[in-house]
């Protein structure tokens, strides 16, 4: 996910002028924290999926029965 367009518009002046106000700095820090939170959550979800994949590989993958074999 990218930064929201309103956030980019708010931060553009500091990029083009090199002048950063306290509120701009706070916004940058807030956005960075939000991105880090998403990274942390996605990393945890990935790690859980890795555990499931490892379990599946340990117990084996079985072919699904064909409709004829199931009946």
Protein backbone atom coordinates (compact mmCIF):
# COMPACT_ATOMS: atom_id res chain seq x y z
CA UNK A 1 0.00 0.00 0.00
CA UNK A 2 1.28 3.45 -0.90
CA UNK A 3 0.96 6.66 1.03
CA UNK A 4 -2.47 8.24 0.65
CA UNK A 5 -2.51 11.05 -1.91
CA UNK A 6 -3.51 13.64 0.71
CA UNK A 7 -0.42 12.71 2.72
CA UNK A 8 1.82 13.06 -0.32
CA UNK A 9 0.33 16.50 -1.05
CA UNK A 10 0.94 17.53 2.58
CA UNK A 11 4.57 16.42 2.41
CA UNK A 12 5.51 17.71 -1.05
CA UNK A 13 6.55 21.16 0.18
CA UNK A 14 9.25 19.72 2.44
CA UNK A 15 10.61 17.65 -0.43
CA UNK A 16 10.76 20.53 -2.90
CA UNK A 17 11.91 23.27 -0.49
CA UNK A 18 13.91 21.28 2.02
CA UNK A 19 12.05 23.12 4.80
CA UNK A 20 10.27 20.89 7.27
CA UNK A 21 7.81 22.12 9.86
CA UNK A 22 7.14 20.32 13.11
CA UNK A 23 3.77 19.11 11.84
CA UNK A 24 5.35 17.79 8.62
CA UNK A 25 7.94 15.91 10.64
CA UNK A 26 5.23 14.47 12.88
CA UNK A 27 3.30 13.34 9.79
CA UNK A 28 6.39 11.67 8.31
CA UNK A 29 7.09 9.86 11.58
CA UNK A 30 3.43 8.81 11.86
CA UNK A 31 3.37 7.42 8.30
CA UNK A 32 6.62 5.56 8.90
CA UNK A 33 5.16 4.01 12.04
CA UNK A 34 2.02 2.97 10.19
CA UNK A 35 4.10 1.33 7.47
CA UNK A 36 6.23 -0.45 10.08
CA UNK A 37 3.05 -1.73 11.78
CA UNK A 38 1.81 -3.18 8.49
CA UNK A 39 5.21 -4.78 7.89
CA UNK A 40 5.09 -6.35 11.35
CA UNK A 41 1.57 -7.70 10.79
CA UNK A 42 2.39 -9.04 7.33
CA UNK A 43 5.59 -10.65 8.62
CA UNK A 44 3.62 -12.41 11.37
CA UNK A 45 1.04 -13.63 8.82
CA UNK A 46 3.81 -14.87 6.52
CA UNK A 47 5.48 -16.70 9.40
CA UNK A 48 2.20 -18.42 10.32
CA UNK A 49 1.73 -19.51 6.72
CA UNK A 50 5.30 -20.81 6.66
CA UNK A 51 4.44 -22.96 9.69
CA UNK A 52 1.38 -24.35 7.93
CA UNK A 53 3.42 -25.08 4.80
CA UNK A 54 6.10 -26.84 6.86
CA UNK A 55 3.42 -28.94 8.59
CA UNK A 56 1.83 -29.90 5.27
CA UNK A 57 5.20 -30.93 3.87
CA UNK A 58 5.89 -33.06 6.97
CA UNK A 59 2.58 -34.93 6.85
CA UNK A 60 2.45 -35.13 3.08
CA UNK A 61 0.24 -33.91 0.31
CA UNK A 62 -2.45 -36.26 -0.89
CA UNK A 63 -4.25 -36.28 -4.19
CA UNK A 64 -7.91 -35.38 -4.01
CA UNK A 65 -10.12 -38.37 -4.73
CA UNK A 66 -11.81 -38.42 -8.09
CA UNK A 67 -15.62 -38.36 -8.00
CA UNK A 68 -15.67 -42.01 -9.14
CA UNK A 69 -13.35 -43.18 -6.35
CA UNK A 70 -15.25 -41.29 -3.66
CA UNK A 71 -18.64 -42.89 -4.44
